[in-house]
């Protein structure tokens, strides 16, 4: 037996005669519920808002007019 898949490496890609090829958008949608970073965008927005408020407070304390 070959360890390098030499017997199948140059075979043409199979295309089903029964089923149409799934569009990429639908394929991507299959994996959407398993997003590893679910909630990440909300956490980034929350942190950005908190930092923005801290910067504004520091600017006011320093007497900066931005």
Protein backbone atom coordinates (compact mmCIF):
# COMPACT_ATOMS: atom_id res chain seq x y z
CA UNK A 1 0.00 0.00 0.00
CA UNK A 2 1.22 3.49 -0.84
CA UNK A 3 1.69 6.00 1.98
CA UNK A 4 1.62 9.03 -0.32
CA UNK A 5 -1.81 8.44 -1.90
CA UNK A 6 -0.09 8.05 -5.26
CA UNK A 7 -2.94 5.86 -6.47
CA UNK A 8 -5.54 8.65 -6.08
CA UNK A 9 -3.60 11.91 -6.11
CA UNK A 10 -4.14 12.63 -9.83
CA UNK A 11 -7.75 11.48 -10.13
CA UNK A 12 -10.27 14.08 -11.33
CA UNK A 13 -12.54 15.71 -8.74
CA UNK A 14 -15.88 13.90 -8.45
CA UNK A 15 -18.94 15.84 -9.59
CA UNK A 16 -22.33 14.37 -8.73
CA UNK A 17 -24.79 13.77 -11.54
CA UNK A 18 -27.68 13.72 -9.04
CA UNK A 19 -27.08 16.73 -6.83
CA UNK A 20 -26.27 20.28 -7.81
CA UNK A 21 -23.15 21.80 -6.31
CA UNK A 22 -23.93 23.81 -3.18
CA UNK A 23 -23.21 27.54 -3.48
CA UNK A 24 -20.36 28.79 -1.28
CA UNK A 25 -22.70 31.05 0.72
CA UNK A 26 -24.83 28.05 1.70
CA UNK A 27 -21.75 26.00 2.56
CA UNK A 28 -20.48 28.78 4.82
CA UNK A 29 -23.89 29.06 6.49
CA UNK A 30 -23.66 25.42 7.60
CA UNK A 31 -20.77 26.30 9.88
CA UNK A 32 -22.02 29.66 11.17
CA UNK A 33 -23.58 28.29 14.38
CA UNK A 34 -20.21 26.87 15.37
CA UNK A 35 -18.34 30.18 15.16
CA UNK A 36 -15.42 30.06 17.57
CA UNK A 37 -15.61 33.78 18.28
CA UNK A 38 -19.33 34.05 19.05
CA UNK A 39 -19.83 37.17 21.14
CA UNK A 40 -16.39 38.50 20.28
CA UNK A 41 -17.67 41.54 18.37
CA UNK A 42 -19.90 42.56 21.30
CA UNK A 43 -16.99 42.21 23.72
CA UNK A 44 -14.76 44.36 21.49
CA UNK A 45 -17.46 47.06 21.22
CA UNK A 46 -17.93 47.04 25.00
CA UNK A 47 -14.20 47.36 25.65
CA UNK A 48 -13.87 50.12 23.04
CA UNK A 49 -16.68 52.09 24.66
CA UNK A 50 -15.15 51.69 28.13
CA UNK A 51 -11.72 52.82 26.88
CA UNK A 52 -13.24 55.74 25.00
CA UNK A 53 -14.97 56.92 28.20
CA UNK A 54 -11.72 56.57 30.18
CA UNK A 55 -9.80 58.59 27.59
CA UNK A 56 -12.45 61.31 27.58
CA UNK A 57 -12.35 61.45 31.39
CA UNK A 58 -8.55 61.72 31.40
CA UNK A 59 -8.70 64.46 28.76
CA UNK A 60 -11.18 66.42 30.86
CA UNK A 61 -9.02 66.03 33.98
CA UNK A 62 -5.98 67.24 32.07
CA UNK A 63 -7.92 70.21 30.74
CA UNK A 64 -7.53 69.21 27.10
CA UNK A 65 -10.07 70.54 24.67
CA UNK A 66 -10.33 67.98 21.85
